[in-house]
Amino acid sequence: MKKKDRKNIALILISTFVFGMIINHLFFKKMHFIQSNVYSNLYLIKYPEKNQTLLQKAIKEKIIEHLQTENKIGKKLAYTRDNGIYFYEYTNGFSFDSFLEAGTAHFIENEEDPGGFISEELNMYTQYQLADFYFEPCKTDTTLYCGEINYLKERELIAIDSIQQLTINKTHVK
């Protein structure tokens, strides 16, 4: 009798745990952007939206918000241009294919380290890149800015969008 009770209690606990995890994942893990403290033009997206249309819309809104607010000028990412904004999926360390990587979360507080025995560069995580945006003065009106957003999924370009006639905060222009 006691053995049967223990099995029932264990089954109830496991069921409650699984149900709780499902509820947590479905209702409480909302997509949000984390701006790097080192690179002001780098955003990591935690729990990115699976629906590409919604994800792309959120990225575009974040680009416009970024350019219209005053952000501190951070360091420049290796192998990138100054007039860009970069979006990567937030990853946190260990993965099964490479157990020595720190994940994209490393770049929230740390600079890229291109040399030495163990190097950490953002371009090591291109499979997690979600978008990049490059801007320059518009050809028709050089007081406004235009740019192109490249949306990526697992290193593949899946869509291109543009933003025209942006007014931007001058802290973003050198």
Protein backbone atom coordinates (compact mmCIF):
# COMPACT_ATOMS: atom_id res chain seq x y z
CA MET A 1 0.00 0.00 0.00
CA LYS A 2 2.81 2.43 0.91
CA LYS A 3 4.60 1.68 -2.37
CA LYS A 4 1.45 2.55 -4.35
CA ASP A 5 1.05 5.83 -2.41
CA ARG A 6 4.66 6.78 -3.13
CA LYS A 7 4.14 6.14 -6.84
CA ASN A 8 0.98 8.28 -6.85
CA ILE A 9 2.73 11.12 -4.99
CA ALA A 10 5.71 10.94 -7.36
CA LEU A 11 3.37 10.96 -10.37
CA ILE A 12 1.48 13.98 -9.00
CA LEU A 13 4.75 15.88 -8.34
CA ILE A 14 6.14 15.12 -11.79
CA SER A 15 2.85 16.07 -13.46
CA THR A 16 2.70 19.34 -11.51
CA PHE A 17 6.30 20.16 -12.46
CA VAL A 18 5.73 19.44 -16.18
CA PHE A 19 2.48 21.40 -16.20
CA GLY A 20 4.19 24.30 -14.44
CA MET A 21 7.03 24.32 -16.98
CA ILE A 22 4.55 24.36 -19.87
CA ILE A 23 2.57 27.24 -18.33
CA ASN A 24 5.78 29.17 -17.61
CA HIS A 25 7.04 28.72 -21.15
CA LEU A 26 3.75 29.63 -22.82
CA PHE A 27 2.71 32.59 -20.70
CA PHE A 28 5.71 34.08 -18.89
CA LYS A 29 8.64 33.92 -21.32
CA LYS A 30 8.06 37.05 -23.35
CA MET A 31 10.49 38.32 -25.95
CA HIS A 32 12.65 41.20 -24.79
CA PHE A 33 15.71 43.08 -26.00
CA ILE A 34 18.91 43.33 -23.96
CA GLN A 35 21.31 46.07 -25.03
CA SER A 36 25.00 45.33 -24.55
CA ASN A 37 26.74 47.47 -21.93
CA VAL A 38 29.93 47.38 -24.01
CA TYR A 39 28.62 47.75 -27.57
CA SER A 40 25.74 50.22 -27.72
CA ASN A 41 24.73 49.01 -31.19
CA LEU A 42 24.34 45.36 -30.16
CA TYR A 43 21.05 43.89 -28.97
CA LEU A 44 20.47 40.36 -27.75
CA ILE A 45 16.92 39.07 -27.99
CA LYS A 46 15.85 36.76 -25.23
CA TYR A 47 12.99 34.40 -26.15
CA PRO A 48 12.63 35.65 -29.74
CA GLU A 49 9.17 35.42 -31.22
CA LYS A 50 8.75 32.31 -33.40
CA ASN A 51 6.46 34.17 -35.79
CA GLN A 52 8.90 35.87 -38.19
CA THR A 53 6.49 38.70 -39.04
CA LEU A 54 6.16 39.67 -35.37
CA LEU A 55 9.90 39.30 -34.76
CA GLN A 56 10.77 41.47 -37.76
CA LYS A 57 8.25 44.12 -36.71
CA ALA A 58 9.74 44.23 -33.18
CA ILE A 59 13.29 44.53 -34.55
CA LYS A 60 12.27 47.37 -36.87
CA GLU A 61 10.60 49.22 -33.98
CA LYS A 62 13.72 48.75 -31.83
CA ILE A 63 15.92 50.18 -34.61
CA ILE A 64 13.77 53.30 -34.87
CA GLU A 65 13.71 53.67 -31.08
CA HIS A 66 17.49 53.19 -30.87
CA LEU A 67 18.22 55.85 -33.50
CA GLN A 68 15.85 58.41 -32.01
CA THR A 69 17.18 58.15 -28.46
CA GLU A 70 20.51 59.28 -27.14
CA ASN A 71 22.69 56.23 -26.61
CA LYS A 72 26.23 56.28 -25.38
CA ILE A 73 28.73 55.56 -28.10
CA GLY A 74 30.21 52.20 -27.21
CA LYS A 75 33.10 50.27 -28.58
CA LYS A 76 33.09 49.00 -32.15
CA LEU A 77 32.45 45.30 -32.79
CA ALA A 78 35.22 43.56 -34.73
CA TYR A 79 34.56 43.19 -38.46
CA THR A 80 31.57 45.58 -38.47
CA ARG A 81 30.84 49.05 -39.73
CA ASP A 82 30.19 52.04 -37.46
CA ASN A 83 26.79 52.76 -39.01
CA GLY A 84 25.15 49.48 -38.05
CA ILE A 85 22.91 47.94 -35.42
CA TYR A 86 23.12 44.21 -34.77
CA PHE A 87 20.61 41.72 -33.35
CA TYR A 88 21.46 38.26 -32.04
CA GLU A 89 19.52 35.65 -30.16
CA TYR A 90 20.46 35.53 -26.48
CA THR A 91 22.32 32.29 -25.78
CA ASN A 92 23.81 31.36 -22.49
CA GLY A 93 26.90 29.20 -22.65
CA PHE A 94 26.98 25.47 -23.09
CA SER A 95 25.63 23.83 -26.19
CA PHE A 96 25.98 20.23 -27.32
CA ASP A 97 28.02 20.99 -30.43
CA SER A 98 30.62 23.11 -28.63
CA PHE A 99 31.00 22.96 -24.88
CA LEU A 100 33.59 25.75 -24.64
CA GLU A 101 31.50 28.64 -25.94
CA ALA A 102 30.35 31.38 -23.60
CA GLY A 103 27.27 32.24 -25.67
CA THR A 104 26.11 35.60 -26.94
CA ALA A 105 25.25 36.60 -23.35
CA HIS A 106 29.01 37.04 -22.84
CA PHE A 107 28.89 40.28 -24.87
CA ILE A 108 26.43 42.02 -22.56
CA GLU A 109 29.22 42.79 -20.09
CA ASN A 110 32.40 41.75 -21.95
CA GLU A 111 34.36 42.89 -24.96
CA GLU A 112 35.30 40.63 -27.80
CA ASP A 113 38.61 38.87 -27.25
CA PRO A 114 40.08 38.01 -30.66
CA GLY A 115 43.41 36.63 -29.44
CA GLY A 116 44.88 34.18 -27.04
CA PHE A 117 44.28 30.52 -26.29
CA ILE A 118 40.52 30.96 -26.00
CA SER A 119 38.99 33.72 -28.08
CA GLU A 120 35.45 35.10 -27.92
CA GLU A 121 34.21 37.06 -30.90
CA LEU A 122 30.64 37.76 -31.88
CA ASN A 123 31.27 36.45 -35.40
CA MET A 124 31.70 32.98 -33.80
CA TYR A 125 27.93 33.05 -33.20
CA THR A 126 26.60 33.86 -36.66
CA GLN A 127 24.07 31.04 -36.39
CA TYR A 128 22.32 33.17 -33.74
CA GLN A 129 22.30 36.41 -35.74
CA LEU A 130 18.72 37.58 -36.33
CA ALA A 131 19.22 40.90 -38.12
CA ASP A 132 21.57 43.71 -38.98
CA PHE A 133 20.77 47.25 -40.03
CA TYR A 134 23.04 49.72 -41.83
CA PHE A 135 22.14 53.37 -42.27
CA GLU A 136 23.49 56.38 -44.14
CA PRO A 137 22.24 59.80 -45.25
CA CYS A 138 19.42 59.54 -47.78
CA LYS A 139 20.34 60.44 -51.36
CA THR A 140 17.34 62.75 -51.73
CA ASP A 141 17.77 64.60 -48.41
CA THR A 142 21.07 64.33 -46.54
CA THR A 143 19.50 65.61 -43.30
CA LEU A 144 17.51 62.36 -43.13
CA TYR A 145 18.79 58.81 -42.93
CA CYS A 146 17.86 55.66 -44.80
CA GLY A 147 18.84 52.10 -44.19
CA GLU A 148 18.38 48.44 -44.95
CA ILE A 149 17.50 45.66 -42.52
CA ASN A 150 18.72 42.17 -43.30
CA TYR A 151 16.77 39.48 -41.44
CA LEU A 152 18.55 36.17 -40.95
CA LYS A 153 17.74 32.72 -39.67
CA GLU A 154 20.50 30.17 -39.11
CA ARG A 155 22.95 32.16 -41.28
CA GLU A 156 20.47 32.44 -44.17
CA LEU A 157 19.07 35.75 -45.40
CA ILE A 158 15.29 35.38 -45.18
CA ALA A 159 14.06 38.94 -45.77
CA ILE A 160 15.19 42.48 -46.51
CA ASP A 161 13.36 45.60 -45.41
CA SER A 162 14.20 49.28 -45.57
CA ILE A 163 13.60 52.30 -43.43
CA GLN A 164 13.39 55.61 -45.24
CA GLN A 165 13.68 59.22 -44.10
CA LEU A 166 14.64 58.70 -40.47
CA THR A 167 15.48 61.59 -38.25
CA ILE A 168 18.12 60.35 -35.87
CA ASN A 169 19.81 61.62 -32.77
CA LYS A 170 23.20 63.05 -33.76
CA THR A 171 25.04 60.88 -31.18
CA HIS A 172 24.82 58.03 -33.72
CA VAL A 173 26.62 59.95 -36.49
CA LYS A 174 30.36 60.50 -36.45
